[in-house]
């Protein structure tokens, strides 16, 4: 009995000692309170003006907010667009530069919150317009490829195996060509001739087609020499066609010139795959894979109908971070002479100025934009191709286009 009592007493003492140590250990550790009631309250931020002051593009336009009681530390500032948070690009005590979220709305309340201030700033209101919209007049089972625009603003869309559809600005849809092969296949490029106003097209076979419209079948207009398979074409001021693409025999790949009387001449490229072509100011521009496997934009001076100057490199995609192993699919020019390229980079559309690349609308356009065509003024039509299928978008570039 005595041994049992001693054992119980020892266990009790051990438990009490452990509890005391635990209490003492906790007392030695101090934790700073999250809320300090004695901390001075920061003055509330105030917005004086926002530039541009009426509207901008959702997810794109960088707004400059001027005012007071902001912070030089960007981590202490939040700019709200309604309940969504903008991307803060620059911060000082009197000025913020912020990019809005992709929130499309006629009236968005903008307000600023600063850490330490007990209240938000006053509100300013902006209209956020879409930077791009999906063209939803195409059915879900129809995949768009090449796009063309006529002088009246009518839109022509080549649909895979569903012919070419014409869409008026008012929204009506009609068959420009019948459905089905051989010329109901997806076109890779379509352009209107400055001479006869008719639509000419290529689709990866060794010929150029003419498309009369009014739901009439397209016709093979002229075969290509040396089995060249053009993927892109353009007209010069005299109505001559310049075309390029690929060849079943790579070394025979050529630029092909076609006169209005169908006379052809081939200029050897020696290989490669050309995906886009443009005639501008006496030069012929090509974009795609060159014979050395580099991905470039190059140009040739058009000396005359039978002679081209030496190849000049305009832009090399490898010069862009992540550009090696990627492709250039589409090329258009702005009215200022800059180049817009559709690529399969994570930021799919690039702007090239004097050989230097910048991203058009960072974090907005995912890959890959494979067809680009100017619409009215600053509108750009683009077809994005990825695992979910082909989708046609109307993009507001804020840049005047060069048809």
Protein backbone atom coordinates (compact mmCIF):
# COMPACT_ATOMS: atom_id res chain seq x y z
CA UNK A 1 0.00 0.00 0.00
CA UNK A 2 2.82 2.37 0.89
CA UNK A 3 4.65 1.69 -2.37
CA UNK A 4 1.48 2.46 -4.30
CA UNK A 5 1.08 5.81 -2.50
CA UNK A 6 4.70 6.79 -3.19
CA UNK A 7 4.29 5.97 -6.89
CA UNK A 8 1.15 8.08 -7.23
CA UNK A 9 2.84 10.99 -5.42
CA UNK A 10 5.86 10.91 -7.73
CA UNK A 11 3.65 10.92 -10.86
CA UNK A 12 1.68 13.88 -9.51
CA UNK A 13 4.85 15.87 -8.78
CA UNK A 14 6.23 15.12 -12.26
CA UNK A 15 3.04 16.39 -13.91
CA UNK A 16 3.07 19.59 -11.83
CA UNK A 17 6.74 20.26 -12.68
CA UNK A 18 6.11 19.76 -16.39
CA UNK A 19 3.16 22.14 -16.22
CA UNK A 20 5.26 24.77 -14.46
CA UNK A 21 7.99 24.51 -17.06
CA UNK A 22 5.45 24.85 -19.85
CA UNK A 23 3.92 27.92 -18.25
CA UNK A 24 7.32 29.54 -17.68
CA UNK A 25 8.41 28.74 -21.23
CA UNK A 26 5.30 30.38 -22.68
CA UNK A 27 5.74 33.43 -20.49
CA UNK A 28 9.21 34.04 -21.88
CA UNK A 29 7.97 34.13 -25.54
CA UNK A 30 6.33 37.45 -26.45
CA UNK A 31 4.28 37.93 -29.64
CA UNK A 32 3.82 41.34 -31.23
CA UNK A 33 0.13 42.15 -31.51
CA UNK A 34 -1.22 42.44 -35.05
CA UNK A 35 -3.17 45.59 -34.24
CA UNK A 36 -1.38 48.45 -32.52
CA UNK A 37 -3.94 50.92 -31.17
CA UNK A 38 -1.19 53.47 -30.54
CA UNK A 39 0.04 53.55 -34.15
CA UNK A 40 -0.64 56.88 -35.87
CA UNK A 41 -3.40 56.77 -38.49
CA UNK A 42 -2.21 57.53 -42.04
CA UNK A 43 -4.11 60.26 -43.89
CA UNK A 44 -6.72 59.01 -46.33
CA UNK A 45 -5.68 58.95 -50.00
CA UNK A 46 -7.41 61.34 -52.40
CA UNK A 47 -7.78 61.17 -56.18
CA UNK A 48 -7.53 64.47 -58.05
CA UNK A 49 -7.58 63.23 -61.67
CA UNK A 50 -7.21 60.18 -63.88
CA UNK A 51 -5.62 60.30 -67.36
CA UNK A 52 -7.08 59.32 -69.76
CA UNK A 53 -10.10 60.63 -67.92
CA UNK A 54 -13.13 59.17 -69.61
CA UNK A 55 -12.45 55.68 -70.94
CA UNK A 56 -9.87 53.05 -71.86
CA UNK A 57 -9.46 49.43 -72.84
CA UNK A 58 -10.06 46.78 -70.21
CA UNK A 59 -6.86 44.95 -69.33
CA UNK A 60 -4.82 47.21 -71.62
CA UNK A 61 -4.89 50.98 -71.02
CA UNK A 62 -2.39 52.26 -68.44
CA UNK A 63 -4.14 54.96 -66.38
CA UNK A 64 -2.22 57.66 -64.51
CA UNK A 65 -3.87 58.63 -61.22
CA UNK A 66 -2.78 61.89 -59.59
CA UNK A 67 -3.69 62.91 -56.08
CA UNK A 68 -2.31 62.88 -52.54
CA UNK A 69 -1.47 60.59 -49.64
CA UNK A 70 -0.47 57.64 -51.80
CA UNK A 71 2.77 55.76 -51.09
CA UNK A 72 6.17 55.32 -52.68
CA UNK A 73 5.93 51.64 -51.71
CA UNK A 74 3.76 49.77 -54.26
CA UNK A 75 3.15 46.96 -51.76
CA UNK A 76 1.15 49.37 -49.60
CA UNK A 77 -1.20 50.54 -52.37
CA UNK A 78 -4.21 48.84 -53.93
CA UNK A 79 -6.25 50.36 -56.75
CA UNK A 80 -9.75 48.99 -57.06
CA UNK A 81 -11.87 48.95 -60.20
CA UNK A 82 -15.25 48.26 -58.63
CA UNK A 83 -14.35 45.21 -56.53
CA UNK A 84 -11.51 44.01 -58.78
CA UNK A 85 -7.85 44.94 -58.31
CA UNK A 86 -5.75 46.64 -61.00
CA UNK A 87 -2.10 45.94 -61.76
CA UNK A 88 0.02 48.68 -60.17
CA UNK A 89 2.94 49.59 -62.44
CA UNK A 90 4.36 52.71 -60.71
CA UNK A 91 3.76 54.40 -57.36
CA UNK A 92 4.69 57.62 -55.61
CA UNK A 93 3.03 59.72 -52.93
CA UNK A 94 1.21 61.79 -55.55
CA UNK A 95 0.96 59.59 -58.66
CA UNK A 96 0.04 56.01 -59.55
CA UNK A 97 0.16 54.18 -62.89
CA UNK A 98 -2.20 51.25 -63.02
CA UNK A 99 -3.55 48.80 -65.60
CA UNK A 100 -7.18 47.79 -65.09
CA UNK A 101 -8.45 44.21 -64.96
CA UNK A 102 -10.37 42.78 -67.92
CA UNK A 103 -13.62 44.28 -66.65
CA UNK A 104 -15.79 45.60 -69.49
CA UNK A 105 -18.36 48.06 -68.15
CA UNK A 106 -19.80 51.49 -68.96
CA UNK A 107 -19.19 52.89 -65.47
CA UNK A 108 -16.45 51.55 -63.21
CA UNK A 109 -15.69 53.08 -59.82
CA UNK A 110 -11.96 53.65 -59.23
CA UNK A 111 -10.70 54.11 -55.67
CA UNK A 112 -7.38 53.81 -53.86
CA UNK A 113 -6.55 52.05 -50.61
CA UNK A 114 -3.29 52.73 -48.74
CA UNK A 115 -2.02 50.61 -45.88
CA UNK A 116 -2.42 52.46 -42.57
CA UNK A 117 -5.24 54.69 -43.77
CA UNK A 118 -8.60 53.95 -42.20
CA UNK A 119 -10.65 54.87 -45.29
CA UNK A 120 -10.57 54.62 -49.06
CA UNK A 121 -10.05 57.54 -51.39
CA UNK A 122 -12.89 59.30 -53.13
CA UNK A 123 -14.23 57.61 -56.29
CA UNK A 124 -13.68 58.48 -59.93
CA UNK A 125 -15.61 56.76 -62.72
CA UNK A 126 -14.31 55.34 -66.01
CA UNK A 127 -15.72 53.44 -68.96
CA UNK A 128 -13.75 50.28 -69.74
CA UNK A 129 -14.20 49.07 -73.32
CA UNK A 130 -13.21 45.64 -74.68
CA UNK A 131 -9.77 45.35 -76.27
CA UNK A 132 -11.12 42.51 -78.39
CA UNK A 133 -14.41 40.74 -79.02
CA UNK A 134 -15.15 37.25 -80.28
CA UNK A 135 -16.91 37.25 -83.65
CA UNK A 136 -19.91 35.14 -82.75
CA UNK A 137 -21.65 35.05 -86.14
CA UNK A 138 -19.76 31.85 -86.91
CA UNK A 139 -21.25 28.58 -85.75
CA UNK A 140 -19.40 26.42 -83.24
CA UNK A 141 -18.69 23.72 -85.86
CA UNK A 142 -17.23 26.25 -88.32
CA UNK A 143 -13.51 27.01 -88.10
CA UNK A 144 -12.30 30.31 -89.59
CA UNK A 145 -9.06 30.63 -91.53
CA UNK A 146 -8.19 33.48 -93.91
CA UNK A 147 -10.12 36.74 -93.66
CA UNK A 148 -10.53 39.58 -96.17
CA UNK A 149 -12.21 43.02 -96.07
CA UNK A 150 -13.59 44.90 -99.07
CA UNK A 151 -13.86 48.67 -99.58
CA UNK A 152 -17.41 48.70 -98.17
CA UNK A 153 -16.30 47.08 -94.95
CA UNK A 154 -17.84 43.69 -95.73
CA UNK A 155 -16.06 40.78 -94.06
CA UNK A 156 -15.17 37.57 -95.93
CA UNK A 157 -14.27 34.52 -93.86
CA UNK A 158 -12.96 31.22 -95.20
CA UNK A 159 -14.43 28.38 -93.19
CA UNK A 160 -12.98 24.89 -93.18
CA UNK A 161 -15.03 22.80 -95.69
CA UNK A 162 -17.88 25.34 -95.43
CA UNK A 163 -16.87 27.70 -98.19
CA UNK A 164 -16.45 31.46 -97.81
CA UNK A 165 -19.09 33.50 -96.02
CA UNK A 166 -19.77 37.20 -96.46
CA UNK A 167 -20.81 39.31 -93.47
CA UNK A 168 -22.04 42.88 -93.87
CA UNK A 169 -21.45 45.54 -91.20
CA UNK A 170 -25.19 45.29 -90.46
CA UNK A 171 -24.74 41.63 -89.56
CA UNK A 172 -26.27 39.77 -92.50
CA UNK A 173 -24.59 36.54 -93.63
CA UNK A 174 -24.52 35.01 -97.11
CA UNK A 175 -22.64 32.38 -99.10
CA UNK A 176 -19.85 33.95 -101.14
CA UNK A 177 -18.81 30.51 -102.41
CA UNK A 178 -20.55 27.13 -102.03
CA UNK A 179 -19.59 24.65 -99.33
CA UNK A 180 -17.26 21.77 -99.98
CA UNK A 181 -14.05 20.98 -101.90
CA UNK A 182 -12.03 21.70 -103.86
CA UNK A 183 -12.35 25.46 -103.37
CA UNK A 184 -14.51 25.17 -100.31
CA UNK A 185 -11.41 24.22 -98.37
CA UNK A 186 -9.82 26.56 -95.86
CA UNK A 187 -7.97 29.38 -97.60
CA UNK A 188 -4.67 30.50 -96.15
CA UNK A 189 -4.79 33.97 -97.74
CA UNK A 190 -7.39 36.05 -99.64
CA UNK A 191 -6.86 39.49 -101.23
CA UNK A 192 -8.94 41.78 -103.45
CA UNK A 193 -7.30 42.87 -106.70
CA UNK A 194 -6.90 46.64 -107.21
CA UNK A 195 -7.58 46.09 -110.95
CA UNK A 196 -10.75 44.02 -111.25
CA UNK A 197 -11.94 44.08 -107.64
CA UNK A 198 -12.21 40.30 -107.52
CA UNK A 199 -11.08 38.12 -104.66
CA UNK A 200 -7.99 35.96 -105.21
CA UNK A 201 -6.89 33.20 -102.86
CA UNK A 202 -4.34 30.51 -102.09
CA UNK A 203 -4.75 27.44 -99.90
CA UNK A 204 -1.50 25.46 -99.95
CA UNK A 205 -1.86 23.89 -103.40
CA UNK A 206 0.18 24.76 -106.48
CA UNK A 207 -2.23 27.34 -107.91
CA UNK A 208 -3.92 30.69 -107.34
CA UNK A 209 -7.72 30.74 -107.37
CA UNK A 210 -10.18 33.48 -108.32
CA UNK A 211 -13.42 33.69 -106.36
CA UNK A 212 -16.28 35.37 -108.30
CA UNK A 213 -18.75 35.43 -105.41
CA UNK A 214 -22.58 35.24 -105.51
CA UNK A 215 -22.35 31.63 -104.28
CA UNK A 216 -20.48 30.62 -107.44
CA UNK A 217 -17.66 28.10 -107.21
CA UNK A 218 -14.10 29.38 -107.23
CA UNK A 219 -11.93 28.74 -110.26
CA UNK A 220 -8.27 27.83 -110.63
CA UNK A 221 -6.82 30.99 -112.14
CA UNK A 222 -3.17 30.16 -112.74
CA UNK A 223 -0.91 27.19 -111.86
CA UNK A 224 2.39 27.82 -110.07
CA UNK A 225 5.73 26.99 -111.73
CA UNK A 226 7.97 24.28 -110.24
CA UNK A 227 5.21 22.90 -107.98
CA UNK A 228 5.33 25.90 -105.66
CA UNK A 229 2.53 25.94 -103.09
CA UNK A 230 1.82 29.54 -102.07
CA UNK A 231 0.43 30.26 -98.61
CA UNK A 232 0.28 34.03 -98.97
CA UNK A 233 -0.12 36.59 -101.73
CA UNK A 234 -0.32 40.35 -102.27
CA UNK A 235 -0.74 42.84 -105.11
CA UNK A 236 1.59 45.61 -106.15
CA UNK A 237 0.28 48.96 -107.42
CA UNK A 238 0.12 47.65 -111.00
CA UNK A 239 -2.00 44.65 -110.07
CA UNK A 240 0.77 42.07 -110.28
CA UNK A 241 0.51 39.23 -107.77
CA UNK A 242 3.46 38.21 -105.62
CA UNK A 243 3.08 34.87 -103.86
CA UNK A 244 5.18 32.51 -101.73
CA UNK A 245 4.81 29.49 -99.48
CA UNK A 246 6.47 26.10 -99.68
CA UNK A 247 7.42 23.41 -102.17
CA UNK A 248 7.20 19.63 -102.22
CA UNK A 249 10.90 19.77 -103.06
CA UNK A 250 12.23 22.15 -100.44
CA UNK A 251 15.18 23.44 -102.49
CA UNK A 252 12.77 24.51 -105.26
CA UNK A 253 10.79 26.84 -102.99
CA UNK A 254 10.39 30.19 -104.72
CA UNK A 255 8.71 33.57 -104.78
CA UNK A 256 6.34 33.68 -107.74
CA UNK A 257 5.34 36.82 -109.63
CA UNK A 258 2.15 36.69 -111.74
CA UNK A 259 1.13 39.48 -114.11
CA UNK A 260 -2.53 40.26 -114.86
CA UNK A 261 -2.02 38.37 -118.16
CA UNK A 262 -0.97 35.28 -116.09
CA UNK A 263 2.72 35.39 -117.02
CA UNK A 264 4.73 33.88 -114.18
CA UNK A 265 8.31 34.11 -112.99
CA UNK A 266 9.92 32.28 -110.07
CA UNK A 267 12.64 33.74 -107.82
CA UNK A 268 14.40 31.00 -105.88
CA UNK A 269 14.38 31.02 -102.09
CA UNK A 270 16.28 27.74 -101.87
CA UNK A 271 14.02 26.36 -99.14
CA UNK A 272 11.97 27.32 -96.12
CA UNK A 273 8.28 28.00 -95.53
CA UNK A 274 6.83 31.47 -96.09
CA UNK A 275 3.60 32.04 -94.16
CA UNK A 276 2.94 35.72 -94.83
CA UNK A 277 3.84 38.19 -97.57
CA UNK A 278 3.36 41.93 -98.13
CA UNK A 279 4.22 44.38 -100.91
CA UNK A 280 4.90 47.88 -99.59
CA UNK A 281 6.74 50.94 -100.89
CA UNK A 282 8.68 49.09 -103.56
CA UNK A 283 9.71 46.20 -101.32
CA UNK A 284 8.53 42.62 -100.97
CA UNK A 285 8.35 41.47 -97.34
CA UNK A 286 8.31 37.78 -96.37
CA UNK A 287 7.69 36.25 -92.94
CA UNK A 288 8.28 32.66 -91.92
CA UNK A 289 10.98 30.02 -91.83
CA UNK A 290 14.01 30.76 -93.99
CA UNK A 291 16.13 28.10 -95.72
CA UNK A 292 18.59 28.09 -92.79
CA UNK A 293 15.65 27.31 -90.43
CA UNK A 294 15.74 30.77 -88.85
CA UNK A 295 12.41 32.47 -88.19
CA UNK A 296 12.55 35.94 -89.69
CA UNK A 297 10.98 38.82 -91.52
CA UNK A 298 13.06 39.61 -94.61
CA UNK A 299 12.59 41.93 -97.55
CA UNK A 300 13.67 42.32 -101.17
CA UNK A 301 13.64 45.50 -103.22
CA UNK A 302 11.46 45.06 -106.31
CA UNK A 303 13.87 46.36 -108.95
CA UNK A 304 11.44 45.47 -111.75
CA UNK A 305 9.09 42.63 -112.65
CA UNK A 306 12.02 40.37 -113.49
CA UNK A 307 14.52 41.39 -110.83
CA UNK A 308 14.68 41.49 -107.03
CA UNK A 309 17.39 43.00 -104.87
CA UNK A 310 19.39 41.14 -102.24
CA UNK A 311 17.65 39.70 -99.18
CA UNK A 312 17.69 42.00 -96.14
CA UNK A 313 16.84 40.86 -92.62
CA UNK A 314 14.19 43.07 -90.99
CA UNK A 315 13.58 41.07 -87.82
CA UNK A 316 14.78 37.80 -86.28
CA UNK A 317 12.36 36.09 -83.85
CA UNK A 318 15.34 34.56 -82.02
CA UNK A 319 16.17 38.07 -80.74
CA UNK A 320 13.07 37.95 -78.52
CA UNK A 321 13.12 36.15 -75.17
CA UNK A 322 11.64 32.72 -75.76
CA UNK A 323 11.69 33.24 -79.53
CA UNK A 324 13.95 30.31 -80.42
CA UNK A 325 11.88 27.39 -81.67
CA UNK A 326 8.78 29.56 -82.18
CA UNK A 327 7.09 30.54 -85.44
CA UNK A 328 5.88 33.64 -87.27
CA UNK A 329 2.50 33.00 -88.85
CA UNK A 330 1.04 36.35 -89.87
CA UNK A 331 2.26 39.85 -90.76
CA UNK A 332 0.54 43.22 -91.28
CA UNK A 333 1.84 46.77 -91.36
CA UNK A 334 0.66 49.88 -89.52
CA UNK A 335 0.20 53.24 -91.21
CA UNK A 336 3.42 54.36 -89.47
CA UNK A 337 5.39 51.51 -91.09
CA UNK A 338 5.66 49.29 -88.02
CA UNK A 339 5.00 45.55 -88.36
CA UNK A 340 2.53 43.49 -86.35
CA UNK A 341 3.32 39.78 -86.22
CA UNK A 342 1.14 36.86 -85.18
CA UNK A 343 3.29 34.21 -83.47
CA UNK A 344 3.03 31.27 -81.08
CA UNK A 345 4.84 33.10 -78.28
CA UNK A 346 3.02 33.30 -74.94
CA UNK A 347 2.27 36.95 -75.82
CA UNK A 348 1.18 36.15 -79.33
CA UNK A 349 1.15 39.51 -81.13
CA UNK A 350 4.36 41.52 -81.48
CA UNK A 351 4.98 45.03 -82.78
CA UNK A 352 8.25 45.52 -84.65
CA UNK A 353 9.71 49.04 -84.83
CA UNK A 354 13.09 49.47 -86.50
CA UNK A 355 13.88 45.81 -85.88
CA UNK A 356 12.99 45.92 -82.17
CA UNK A 357 10.05 43.95 -80.78
CA UNK A 358 7.49 44.95 -78.18
CA UNK A 359 4.40 43.07 -77.03
CA UNK A 360 0.97 44.22 -78.15
CA UNK A 361 -1.21 44.16 -75.03
CA UNK A 362 0.86 42.06 -72.57
CA UNK A 363 -0.90 39.10 -70.95
CA UNK A 364 -3.97 39.54 -73.18
CA UNK A 365 -3.36 37.58 -76.41
CA UNK A 366 -2.46 33.93 -75.89
CA UNK A 367 -1.07 31.86 -78.80
CA UNK A 368 -1.29 31.41 -81.61
CA UNK A 369 -2.60 34.14 -83.92
CA UNK A 370 -2.08 32.66 -87.38
CA UNK A 371 -4.14 35.06 -89.54
CA UNK A 372 -4.24 38.87 -89.31
CA UNK A 373 -6.13 41.32 -91.54
CA UNK A 374 -6.84 45.02 -91.12
CA UNK A 375 -10.45 46.15 -90.95
CA UNK A 376 -11.59 49.76 -90.64
CA UNK A 377 -9.11 52.27 -89.23
CA UNK A 378 -7.65 50.73 -86.05
CA UNK A 379 -9.57 47.44 -86.14
CA UNK A 380 -7.57 44.28 -86.69
CA UNK A 381 -9.18 40.92 -87.42
CA UNK A 382 -7.26 37.95 -86.06
CA UNK A 383 -7.76 34.19 -86.04
CA UNK A 384 -6.36 32.42 -83.01
CA UNK A 385 -5.60 28.72 -83.47
CA UNK A 386 -5.13 26.41 -80.49
CA UNK A 387 -6.32 23.11 -79.05
CA UNK A 388 -9.85 24.45 -78.58
CA UNK A 389 -10.19 25.24 -82.31
CA UNK A 390 -10.04 28.35 -84.46
CA UNK A 391 -11.66 31.56 -83.18
CA UNK A 392 -12.05 34.90 -84.97
CA UNK A 393 -11.61 38.12 -82.99
CA UNK A 394 -11.99 41.81 -83.74
CA UNK A 395 -9.15 43.64 -81.99
CA UNK A 396 -9.04 47.35 -81.17
CA UNK A 397 -5.34 48.16 -81.67
CA UNK A 398 -5.46 51.97 -81.24
CA UNK A 399 -3.10 52.02 -84.25
CA UNK A 400 -4.05 52.96 -87.80
CA UNK A 401 -3.61 50.06 -90.20
CA UNK A 402 -1.93 49.81 -93.61
CA UNK A 403 -4.27 47.75 -95.84
